[in-house]
Amino acid sequence: MISLRARLSREEVLGASERIQEKLFDLPEFVAARVVSSYVAKKENGEVETEGLIRESLKMGKRVVVPFVQGAGELSFCELKDYDSELEPGAFGILEPKSSNRREFPLREIELMVVPGVAFDLDGYRLGYGRGYYDRALRRVSSENPKALFVGLAHDFQVLDELPRGKADVPVDVIITEKRMIFPK
């Protein structure tokens, strides 16, 4: 999946990301959410782009929260107010809030969480990079706010019928691709 995603041209990624963003913005739970958490996409690996999603969410007056790696394998979340001035390369070369701007955000306030994945299956399970950062974060957010909605963004080819899963894996509630929206049971 990583190899397939890396073969996408920047134009293909941006086109698919725009269609995915439109679907996300039409989701009633997104419309209603006051606080949205989103990963910050790493541009060079073909991930579904989130810069536009973050910028538009801020323009809509939503509070936007982004992750940063803290300690040994934990994601913490910080409110982002300005995409251009508050981010810098962090763990794994992914943009994170600058150390000077990090204000840990209460997980109970996150209403909708946009999560990345290398692959997703039709039951909502995701395959990441194997370090468990997002599964741990999803469990923590879910325990603080059981009503939080988890939304996976993916290129359509990243959605498979079934993925291997373990006890620690946490499924998403919705998967959005450029072609469809999937609502796992």
N, C-alpha and C. Protein backbone atom coordinates (compact mmCIF):
# COMPACT_ATOMS: atom_id res chain seq x y z
N MET A 1 0.82 -1.19 0.00
CA MET A 1 0.00 0.00 0.00
C MET A 1 0.86 1.26 0.00
N ILE A 2 1.92 1.20 0.81
CA ILE A 2 2.81 2.37 0.88
C ILE A 2 3.43 2.63 -0.48
N SER A 3 3.83 1.57 -1.15
CA SER A 3 4.44 1.69 -2.48
C SER A 3 3.42 2.22 -3.50
N LEU A 4 2.21 1.69 -3.46
CA LEU A 4 1.17 2.15 -4.39
C LEU A 4 0.85 3.63 -4.16
N ARG A 5 0.76 3.99 -2.90
CA ARG A 5 0.44 5.38 -2.57
C ARG A 5 1.57 6.31 -3.01
N ALA A 6 2.79 5.87 -2.85
CA ALA A 6 3.95 6.70 -3.22
C ALA A 6 4.03 6.93 -4.73
N ARG A 7 3.40 6.06 -5.51
CA ARG A 7 3.43 6.22 -6.97
C ARG A 7 2.45 7.27 -7.50
N LEU A 8 1.55 7.72 -6.64
CA LEU A 8 0.58 8.72 -7.07
C LEU A 8 1.28 10.05 -7.34
N SER A 9 0.86 10.73 -8.40
CA SER A 9 1.41 12.06 -8.67
C SER A 9 0.82 13.05 -7.67
N ARG A 10 1.46 14.17 -7.50
CA ARG A 10 0.96 15.21 -6.59
C ARG A 10 -0.45 15.65 -7.03
N GLU A 11 -0.66 15.73 -8.35
CA GLU A 11 -1.97 16.13 -8.88
C GLU A 11 -3.04 15.10 -8.52
N GLU A 12 -2.70 13.80 -8.62
CA GLU A 12 -3.66 12.76 -8.25
C GLU A 12 -4.01 12.84 -6.77
N VAL A 13 -3.00 13.05 -5.93
CA VAL A 13 -3.23 13.15 -4.49
C VAL A 13 -4.13 14.34 -4.18
N LEU A 14 -3.81 15.50 -4.77
CA LEU A 14 -4.59 16.70 -4.50
C LEU A 14 -6.03 16.58 -5.01
N GLY A 15 -6.21 15.98 -6.19
CA GLY A 15 -7.56 15.79 -6.73
C GLY A 15 -8.39 14.87 -5.85
N ALA A 16 -7.81 13.74 -5.47
CA ALA A 16 -8.53 12.80 -4.60
C ALA A 16 -8.80 13.44 -3.24
N SER A 17 -7.83 14.16 -2.71
CA SER A 17 -7.98 14.79 -1.40
C SER A 17 -9.10 15.82 -1.41
N GLU A 18 -9.23 16.55 -2.49
CA GLU A 18 -10.30 17.54 -2.60
C GLU A 18 -11.67 16.86 -2.59
N ARG A 19 -11.81 15.75 -3.33
CA ARG A 19 -13.08 15.02 -3.36
C ARG A 19 -13.40 14.43 -1.97
N ILE A 20 -12.37 13.94 -1.31
CA ILE A 20 -12.54 13.37 0.03
C ILE A 20 -12.96 14.48 1.01
N GLN A 21 -12.32 15.62 0.92
CA GLN A 21 -12.64 16.76 1.79
C GLN A 21 -14.09 17.18 1.60
N GLU A 22 -14.56 17.23 0.35
CA GLU A 22 -15.95 17.61 0.10
C GLU A 22 -16.92 16.65 0.79
N LYS A 23 -16.62 15.36 0.72
CA LYS A 23 -17.46 14.35 1.38
C LYS A 23 -17.43 14.54 2.90
N LEU A 24 -16.25 14.79 3.43
CA LEU A 24 -16.13 15.01 4.88
C LEU A 24 -16.95 16.22 5.30
N PHE A 25 -16.84 17.31 4.55
CA PHE A 25 -17.55 18.54 4.90
C PHE A 25 -19.06 18.38 4.80
N ASP A 26 -19.54 17.40 4.04
CA ASP A 26 -20.98 17.12 3.94
C ASP A 26 -21.49 16.21 5.06
N LEU A 27 -20.58 15.59 5.78
CA LEU A 27 -20.95 14.67 6.85
C LEU A 27 -21.62 15.47 7.99
N PRO A 28 -22.85 15.11 8.36
CA PRO A 28 -23.56 15.87 9.40
C PRO A 28 -22.76 16.02 10.69
N GLU A 29 -22.03 14.99 11.06
CA GLU A 29 -21.23 15.05 12.30
C GLU A 29 -20.10 16.06 12.17
N PHE A 30 -19.56 16.21 10.96
CA PHE A 30 -18.52 17.23 10.76
C PHE A 30 -19.14 18.62 10.85
N VAL A 31 -20.27 18.80 10.20
CA VAL A 31 -20.96 20.09 10.22
C VAL A 31 -21.24 20.51 11.66
N ALA A 32 -21.69 19.57 12.47
CA ALA A 32 -22.07 19.87 13.86
C ALA A 32 -20.86 20.03 14.79
N ALA A 33 -19.73 19.43 14.45
CA ALA A 33 -18.57 19.44 15.34
C ALA A 33 -17.99 20.84 15.52
N ARG A 34 -17.73 21.16 16.76
CA ARG A 34 -17.05 22.43 17.07
C ARG A 34 -15.55 22.22 17.16
N VAL A 35 -15.15 20.99 17.54
CA VAL A 35 -13.72 20.67 17.70
C VAL A 35 -13.40 19.46 16.83
N VAL A 36 -12.47 19.66 15.90
CA VAL A 36 -12.06 18.61 14.97
C VAL A 36 -10.57 18.37 15.14
N SER A 37 -10.19 17.12 15.23
CA SER A 37 -8.78 16.75 15.26
C SER A 37 -8.42 16.18 13.90
N SER A 38 -7.27 16.54 13.39
CA SER A 38 -6.82 16.00 12.11
C SER A 38 -5.33 15.75 12.14
N TYR A 39 -4.92 14.67 11.49
CA TYR A 39 -3.50 14.46 11.28
C TYR A 39 -3.02 15.50 10.26
N VAL A 40 -1.73 15.76 10.27
CA VAL A 40 -1.12 16.64 9.27
C VAL A 40 -0.40 15.73 8.30
N ALA A 41 -0.85 15.71 7.05
CA ALA A 41 -0.31 14.77 6.06
C ALA A 41 1.14 15.10 5.73
N LYS A 42 1.89 14.05 5.50
CA LYS A 42 3.26 14.17 5.03
C LYS A 42 3.19 14.16 3.51
N LYS A 43 3.46 15.29 2.90
CA LYS A 43 3.23 15.48 1.47
C LYS A 43 3.95 14.48 0.56
N GLU A 44 5.14 14.09 0.93
CA GLU A 44 5.92 13.27 0.00
C GLU A 44 5.56 11.79 -0.01
N ASN A 45 4.58 11.34 0.77
CA ASN A 45 4.30 9.90 0.76
C ASN A 45 2.93 9.53 0.17
N GLY A 46 2.24 10.50 -0.44
CA GLY A 46 0.98 10.19 -1.12
C GLY A 46 -0.23 10.07 -0.22
N GLU A 47 -0.06 10.39 1.07
CA GLU A 47 -1.19 10.35 2.00
C GLU A 47 -2.28 11.30 1.54
N VAL A 48 -3.51 11.03 1.93
CA VAL A 48 -4.59 11.98 1.67
C VAL A 48 -4.20 13.29 2.34
N GLU A 49 -4.20 14.35 1.58
CA GLU A 49 -3.76 15.67 2.03
C GLU A 49 -4.75 16.26 3.02
N THR A 50 -4.25 16.91 4.07
CA THR A 50 -5.14 17.51 5.07
C THR A 50 -4.92 19.01 5.24
N GLU A 51 -3.97 19.58 4.56
CA GLU A 51 -3.73 21.02 4.73
C GLU A 51 -4.99 21.82 4.41
N GLY A 52 -5.64 21.54 3.28
CA GLY A 52 -6.85 22.25 2.90
C GLY A 52 -7.97 22.04 3.90
N LEU A 53 -8.12 20.81 4.37
CA LEU A 53 -9.13 20.47 5.36
C LEU A 53 -8.92 21.30 6.63
N ILE A 54 -7.67 21.38 7.08
CA ILE A 54 -7.35 22.13 8.30
C ILE A 54 -7.61 23.62 8.10
N ARG A 55 -7.12 24.16 6.98
CA ARG A 55 -7.31 25.60 6.71
C ARG A 55 -8.80 25.96 6.61
N GLU A 56 -9.57 25.14 5.88
CA GLU A 56 -11.00 25.42 5.72
C GLU A 56 -11.75 25.28 7.05
N SER A 57 -11.36 24.29 7.85
CA SER A 57 -12.01 24.11 9.15
C SER A 57 -11.78 25.34 10.03
N LEU A 58 -10.56 25.87 10.00
CA LEU A 58 -10.27 27.09 10.76
C LEU A 58 -11.12 28.26 10.26
N LYS A 59 -11.24 28.38 8.92
CA LYS A 59 -12.07 29.45 8.35
C LYS A 59 -13.53 29.32 8.76
N MET A 60 -14.00 28.07 8.94
CA MET A 60 -15.38 27.82 9.35
C MET A 60 -15.62 28.16 10.82
N GLY A 61 -14.54 28.48 11.52
CA GLY A 61 -14.67 28.79 12.94
C GLY A 61 -14.56 27.59 13.85
N LYS A 62 -14.16 26.45 13.30
CA LYS A 62 -13.98 25.26 14.12
C LYS A 62 -12.65 25.35 14.87
N ARG A 63 -12.61 24.75 16.02
CA ARG A 63 -11.33 24.60 16.73
C ARG A 63 -10.68 23.37 16.12
N VAL A 64 -9.43 23.50 15.71
CA VAL A 64 -8.70 22.40 15.07
C VAL A 64 -7.56 21.97 15.97
N VAL A 65 -7.49 20.67 16.19
CA VAL A 65 -6.50 20.07 17.06
C VAL A 65 -5.65 19.12 16.23
N VAL A 66 -4.33 19.21 16.38
CA VAL A 66 -3.42 18.33 15.64
C VAL A 66 -2.51 17.58 16.61
N PRO A 67 -2.05 16.40 16.20
CA PRO A 67 -1.23 15.59 17.10
C PRO A 67 0.25 15.96 17.07
N PHE A 68 0.91 15.61 18.17
CA PHE A 68 2.37 15.65 18.22
C PHE A 68 2.82 14.47 19.07
N VAL A 69 4.02 13.99 18.78
CA VAL A 69 4.55 12.84 19.51
C VAL A 69 5.17 13.35 20.81
N GLN A 70 4.75 12.71 21.88
CA GLN A 70 5.27 13.09 23.19
C GLN A 70 5.72 11.84 23.91
N GLY A 71 6.87 11.92 24.52
CA GLY A 71 7.36 10.78 25.29
C GLY A 71 7.60 9.57 24.42
N ALA A 72 7.38 8.42 25.00
CA ALA A 72 7.66 7.16 24.31
C ALA A 72 6.40 6.65 23.62
N GLY A 73 6.16 7.12 22.42
CA GLY A 73 5.09 6.56 21.61
C GLY A 73 3.69 7.02 21.91
N GLU A 74 3.54 8.16 22.52
CA GLU A 74 2.20 8.69 22.77
C GLU A 74 1.94 9.92 21.92
N LEU A 75 0.73 10.00 21.40
CA LEU A 75 0.30 11.21 20.71
C LEU A 75 -0.41 12.10 21.72
N SER A 76 -0.03 13.36 21.73
CA SER A 76 -0.77 14.37 22.46
C SER A 76 -1.37 15.28 21.41
N PHE A 77 -2.28 16.13 21.82
CA PHE A 77 -2.97 16.98 20.86
C PHE A 77 -2.91 18.43 21.31
N CYS A 78 -2.79 19.31 20.32
CA CYS A 78 -2.64 20.73 20.57
C CYS A 78 -3.55 21.49 19.61
N GLU A 79 -4.18 22.54 20.12
CA GLU A 79 -5.01 23.35 19.25
C GLU A 79 -4.12 24.17 18.32
N LEU A 80 -4.49 24.18 17.05
CA LEU A 80 -3.76 24.93 16.03
C LEU A 80 -4.60 26.13 15.63
N LYS A 81 -3.98 27.29 15.67
CA LYS A 81 -4.70 28.49 15.28
C LYS A 81 -4.21 29.05 13.95
N ASP A 82 -2.96 28.77 13.60
CA ASP A 82 -2.39 29.29 12.36
C ASP A 82 -1.51 28.22 11.72
N TYR A 83 -1.96 27.68 10.61
CA TYR A 83 -1.25 26.60 9.92
C TYR A 83 0.16 27.03 9.51
N ASP A 84 0.29 28.26 9.04
CA ASP A 84 1.57 28.72 8.49
C ASP A 84 2.64 28.99 9.54
N SER A 85 2.25 29.45 10.72
CA SER A 85 3.27 29.87 11.68
C SER A 85 3.47 28.95 12.87
N GLU A 86 2.58 27.97 13.08
CA GLU A 86 2.66 27.18 14.30
C GLU A 86 3.16 25.75 14.13
N LEU A 87 3.54 25.37 12.91
CA LEU A 87 3.99 23.99 12.67
C LEU A 87 5.46 23.96 12.27
N GLU A 88 6.11 22.84 12.60
CA GLU A 88 7.48 22.58 12.18
C GLU A 88 7.67 21.07 12.07
N PRO A 89 8.66 20.61 11.30
CA PRO A 89 8.88 19.17 11.22
C PRO A 89 9.19 18.59 12.60
N GLY A 90 8.52 17.49 12.90
CA GLY A 90 8.73 16.83 14.19
C GLY A 90 9.10 15.37 13.96
N ALA A 91 8.53 14.51 14.79
CA ALA A 91 8.82 13.08 14.70
C ALA A 91 8.51 12.56 13.31
N PHE A 92 9.42 11.79 12.77
CA PHE A 92 9.26 11.15 11.46
C PHE A 92 9.12 12.16 10.32
N GLY A 93 9.51 13.43 10.55
CA GLY A 93 9.44 14.46 9.52
C GLY A 93 8.03 14.98 9.28
N ILE A 94 7.11 14.65 10.15
CA ILE A 94 5.72 15.10 10.03
C ILE A 94 5.58 16.44 10.73
N LEU A 95 4.83 17.35 10.12
CA LEU A 95 4.61 18.65 10.76
C LEU A 95 3.84 18.48 12.06
N GLU A 96 4.36 19.14 13.10
CA GLU A 96 3.75 19.13 14.43
C GLU A 96 3.75 20.56 14.96
N PRO A 97 2.96 20.82 16.00
CA PRO A 97 3.03 22.13 16.62
C PRO A 97 4.45 22.39 17.14
N LYS A 98 4.93 23.62 16.95
CA LYS A 98 6.24 23.99 17.48
C LYS A 98 6.22 23.82 19.00
N SER A 99 7.37 23.44 19.55
CA SER A 99 7.47 23.24 21.00
C SER A 99 6.95 24.45 21.77
N SER A 100 7.26 25.63 21.26
CA SER A 100 6.87 26.86 21.95
C SER A 100 5.35 27.10 21.90
N ASN A 101 4.66 26.43 20.98
CA ASN A 101 3.21 26.62 20.82
C ASN A 101 2.38 25.49 21.41
N ARG A 102 3.02 24.47 21.95
CA ARG A 102 2.28 23.29 22.41
C ARG A 102 1.48 23.59 23.67
N ARG A 103 0.18 23.47 23.49
CA ARG A 103 -0.76 23.62 24.59
C ARG A 103 -1.60 22.35 24.56
N GLU A 104 -1.35 21.45 25.50
CA GLU A 104 -2.05 20.17 25.46
C GLU A 104 -3.56 20.39 25.56
N PHE A 105 -4.28 19.75 24.65
CA PHE A 105 -5.72 19.95 24.51
C PHE A 105 -6.47 18.82 25.22
N PRO A 106 -7.56 19.13 25.94
CA PRO A 106 -8.33 18.09 26.61
C PRO A 106 -9.02 17.15 25.61
N LEU A 107 -8.73 15.87 25.71
CA LEU A 107 -9.27 14.88 24.78
C LEU A 107 -10.80 14.82 24.82
N ARG A 108 -11.39 15.08 25.96
CA ARG A 108 -12.87 15.00 26.09
C ARG A 108 -13.58 16.00 25.19
N GLU A 109 -12.86 17.03 24.70
CA GLU A 109 -13.48 18.05 23.86
C GLU A 109 -13.43 17.71 22.37
N ILE A 110 -12.66 16.69 21.99
CA ILE A 110 -12.57 16.31 20.58
C ILE A 110 -13.87 15.61 20.18
N GLU A 111 -14.55 16.17 19.18
CA GLU A 111 -15.83 15.61 18.74
C GLU A 111 -15.70 14.74 17.50
N LEU A 112 -14.75 15.07 16.64
CA LEU A 112 -14.53 14.32 15.41
C LEU A 112 -13.03 14.24 15.18
N MET A 113 -12.54 13.04 14.93
CA MET A 113 -11.10 12.83 14.77
C MET A 113 -10.82 12.21 13.41
N VAL A 114 -10.05 12.92 12.60
CA VAL A 114 -9.65 12.44 11.27
C VAL A 114 -8.32 11.70 11.44
N VAL A 115 -8.31 10.43 11.03
CA VAL A 115 -7.12 9.61 11.24
C VAL A 115 -6.58 9.06 9.91
N PRO A 116 -5.26 8.91 9.85
CA PRO A 116 -4.63 8.35 8.66
C PRO A 116 -4.59 6.83 8.75
N GLY A 117 -4.19 6.21 7.66
CA GLY A 117 -3.97 4.78 7.67
C GLY A 117 -3.26 4.35 6.41
N VAL A 118 -2.51 3.29 6.51
CA VAL A 118 -1.87 2.71 5.33
C VAL A 118 -2.93 1.92 4.56
N ALA A 119 -3.85 1.30 5.31
CA ALA A 119 -4.97 0.56 4.71
C ALA A 119 -6.10 0.52 5.73
N PHE A 120 -7.31 0.34 5.22
CA PHE A 120 -8.51 0.19 6.05
C PHE A 120 -9.27 -1.02 5.52
N ASP A 121 -10.10 -1.62 6.40
CA ASP A 121 -10.98 -2.67 5.88
C ASP A 121 -12.43 -2.26 6.05
N LEU A 122 -13.32 -3.05 5.50
CA LEU A 122 -14.74 -2.71 5.48
C LEU A 122 -15.39 -2.71 6.86
N ASP A 123 -14.69 -3.25 7.85
CA ASP A 123 -15.18 -3.22 9.23
C ASP A 123 -14.65 -2.01 9.99
N GLY A 124 -13.87 -1.17 9.30
CA GLY A 124 -13.36 0.05 9.93
C GLY A 124 -12.00 -0.09 10.58
N TYR A 125 -11.42 -1.28 10.51
CA TYR A 125 -10.09 -1.44 11.11
C TYR A 125 -9.04 -0.85 10.18
N ARG A 126 -7.97 -0.35 10.80
CA ARG A 126 -6.93 0.33 10.03
C ARG A 126 -5.59 -0.32 10.30
N LEU A 127 -4.76 -0.19 9.31
CA LEU A 127 -3.37 -0.62 9.42
C LEU A 127 -2.54 0.65 9.33
N GLY A 128 -1.74 0.88 10.34
CA GLY A 128 -0.86 2.05 10.36
C GLY A 128 0.55 1.63 10.04
N TYR A 129 1.48 2.28 10.69
CA TYR A 129 2.89 1.95 10.47
C TYR A 129 3.42 0.98 11.52
N GLY A 130 2.54 0.46 12.37
CA GLY A 130 2.92 -0.60 13.28
C GLY A 130 3.41 -0.16 14.65
N ARG A 131 3.37 1.12 14.93
CA ARG A 131 3.84 1.57 16.24
C ARG A 131 2.70 1.77 17.24
N GLY A 132 1.45 1.74 16.77
CA GLY A 132 0.29 1.82 17.66
C GLY A 132 -0.06 3.21 18.17
N TYR A 133 0.58 4.25 17.63
CA TYR A 133 0.30 5.62 18.10
C TYR A 133 -1.18 5.94 18.03
N TYR A 134 -1.78 5.72 16.86
CA TYR A 134 -3.18 6.11 16.69
C TYR A 134 -4.13 5.20 17.44
N ASP A 135 -3.86 3.90 17.51
CA ASP A 135 -4.75 3.03 18.28
C ASP A 135 -4.78 3.45 19.74
N ARG A 136 -3.62 3.78 20.31
CA ARG A 136 -3.60 4.25 21.70
C ARG A 136 -4.35 5.58 21.83
N ALA A 137 -4.14 6.47 20.86
CA ALA A 137 -4.82 7.78 20.91
C ALA A 137 -6.33 7.60 20.77
N LEU A 138 -6.78 6.74 19.87
CA LEU A 138 -8.22 6.50 19.68
C LEU A 138 -8.85 5.94 20.95
N ARG A 139 -8.14 5.04 21.62
CA ARG A 139 -8.66 4.49 22.88
C ARG A 139 -8.79 5.59 23.93
N ARG A 140 -7.78 6.45 24.02
CA ARG A 140 -7.81 7.53 25.02
C ARG A 140 -8.93 8.52 24.72
N VAL A 141 -9.06 8.91 23.45
CA VAL A 141 -10.12 9.86 23.08
C VAL A 141 -11.48 9.23 23.35
N SER A 142 -11.65 7.97 22.97
CA SER A 142 -12.93 7.27 23.16
C SER A 142 -13.29 7.17 24.64
N SER A 143 -12.30 6.95 25.50
CA SER A 143 -12.60 6.84 26.93
C SER A 143 -12.96 8.21 27.52
N GLU A 144 -12.39 9.28 26.98
CA GLU A 144 -12.70 10.63 27.46
C GLU A 144 -13.99 11.17 26.86
N ASN A 145 -14.28 10.80 25.61
CA ASN A 145 -15.51 11.24 24.94
C ASN A 145 -16.05 10.10 24.09
N PRO A 146 -16.89 9.24 24.67
CA PRO A 146 -17.42 8.08 23.94
C PRO A 146 -18.23 8.46 22.69
N LYS A 147 -18.65 9.71 22.58
CA LYS A 147 -19.43 10.14 21.41
C LYS A 147 -18.55 10.63 20.26
N ALA A 148 -17.25 10.71 20.47
CA ALA A 148 -16.35 11.18 19.41
C ALA A 148 -16.46 10.26 18.19
N LEU A 149 -16.48 10.87 17.01
CA LEU A 149 -16.57 10.11 15.76
C LEU A 149 -15.17 10.02 15.15
N PHE A 150 -14.76 8.81 14.78
CA PHE A 150 -13.45 8.58 14.16
C PHE A 150 -13.64 8.38 12.67
N VAL A 151 -12.95 9.20 11.87
CA VAL A 151 -13.09 9.18 10.42
C VAL A 151 -11.73 8.89 9.79
N GLY A 152 -11.65 7.81 9.03
CA GLY A 152 -10.43 7.47 8.31
C GLY A 152 -10.50 8.02 6.90
N LEU A 153 -9.40 8.63 6.46
CA LEU A 153 -9.30 9.13 5.08
C LEU A 153 -8.34 8.25 4.31
N ALA A 154 -8.73 7.85 3.10
CA ALA A 154 -7.90 6.95 2.32
C ALA A 154 -8.20 7.08 0.83
N HIS A 155 -7.22 6.76 0.02
CA HIS A 155 -7.48 6.57 -1.41
C HIS A 155 -8.27 5.27 -1.52
N ASP A 156 -9.14 5.18 -2.50
CA ASP A 156 -10.03 4.03 -2.58
C ASP A 156 -9.28 2.69 -2.63
N PHE A 157 -8.12 2.66 -3.26
CA PHE A 157 -7.38 1.38 -3.35
C PHE A 157 -6.84 0.93 -2.00
N GLN A 158 -6.86 1.81 -1.00
CA GLN A 158 -6.37 1.46 0.33
C GLN A 158 -7.41 0.74 1.17
N VAL A 159 -8.63 0.58 0.64
CA VAL A 159 -9.69 -0.09 1.38
C VAL A 159 -9.78 -1.54 0.90
N LEU A 160 -9.57 -2.46 1.82
CA LEU A 160 -9.60 -3.89 1.53
C LEU A 160 -10.79 -4.53 2.23
N ASP A 161 -11.13 -5.73 1.81
CA ASP A 161 -12.25 -6.43 2.45
C ASP A 161 -11.97 -6.68 3.93
N GLU A 162 -10.76 -7.14 4.23
CA GLU A 162 -10.43 -7.49 5.61
C GLU A 162 -8.94 -7.33 5.85
N LEU A 163 -8.60 -6.89 7.05
CA LEU A 163 -7.21 -6.75 7.48
C LEU A 163 -6.99 -7.60 8.72
N PRO A 164 -5.74 -8.01 8.94
CA PRO A 164 -5.47 -8.67 10.22
C PRO A 164 -5.71 -7.66 11.34
N ARG A 165 -6.18 -8.14 12.49
CA ARG A 165 -6.41 -7.21 13.59
C ARG A 165 -6.09 -7.88 14.91
N GLY A 166 -5.76 -7.04 15.86
CA GLY A 166 -5.45 -7.53 17.20
C GLY A 166 -6.38 -6.91 18.22
N LYS A 167 -6.23 -7.33 19.47
CA LYS A 167 -7.10 -6.84 20.54
C LYS A 167 -6.96 -5.34 20.76
N ALA A 168 -5.80 -4.79 20.46
CA ALA A 168 -5.54 -3.37 20.71
C ALA A 168 -6.03 -2.47 19.57
N ASP A 169 -6.44 -3.05 18.45
CA ASP A 169 -6.86 -2.24 17.30
C ASP A 169 -8.23 -1.62 17.54
N VAL A 170 -8.34 -0.36 17.14
CA VAL A 170 -9.59 0.39 17.31
C VAL A 170 -10.11 0.77 15.93
N PRO A 171 -11.34 0.36 15.59
CA PRO A 171 -11.88 0.70 14.27
C PRO A 171 -12.35 2.16 14.20
N VAL A 172 -12.40 2.68 12.98
CA VAL A 172 -12.99 4.00 12.75
C VAL A 172 -14.47 3.82 12.49
N ASP A 173 -15.21 4.91 12.61
CA ASP A 173 -16.67 4.87 12.41
C ASP A 173 -17.06 5.10 10.96
N VAL A 174 -16.21 5.81 10.23
CA VAL A 174 -16.47 6.16 8.84
C VAL A 174 -15.15 6.13 8.08
N ILE A 175 -15.18 5.64 6.84
CA ILE A 175 -14.01 5.72 5.96
C ILE A 175 -14.45 6.52 4.74
N ILE A 176 -13.68 7.53 4.41
CA ILE A 176 -14.01 8.36 3.25
C ILE A 176 -12.89 8.23 2.22
N THR A 177 -13.27 7.87 1.00
CA THR A 177 -12.34 7.82 -0.11
C THR A 177 -12.84 8.79 -1.18
N GLU A 178 -12.10 8.93 -2.23
CA GLU A 178 -12.53 9.82 -3.32
C GLU A 178 -13.76 9.27 -4.04
N LYS A 179 -14.05 7.97 -3.86
CA LYS A 179 -15.17 7.34 -4.57
C LYS A 179 -16.38 7.03 -3.69
N ARG A 180 -16.17 6.88 -2.37
CA ARG A 180 -17.29 6.42 -1.54
C ARG A 180 -17.08 6.77 -0.07
N MET A 181 -18.19 6.62 0.64
CA MET A 181 -18.15 6.72 2.11
C MET A 181 -18.58 5.36 2.63
N ILE A 182 -17.82 4.83 3.55
CA ILE A 182 -18.10 3.51 4.10
C ILE A 182 -18.44 3.68 5.58
N PHE A 183 -19.58 3.12 5.98
CA PHE A 183 -20.01 3.17 7.36
C PHE A 183 -19.98 1.75 7.92
N PRO A 184 -18.86 1.35 8.52
CA PRO A 184 -18.75 -0.02 9.05
C PRO A 184 -19.85 -0.30 10.09
N LYS A 185 -20.20 -1.55 10.19
CA LYS A 185 -21.26 -1.95 11.13
C LYS A 185 -20.79 -1.87 12.56
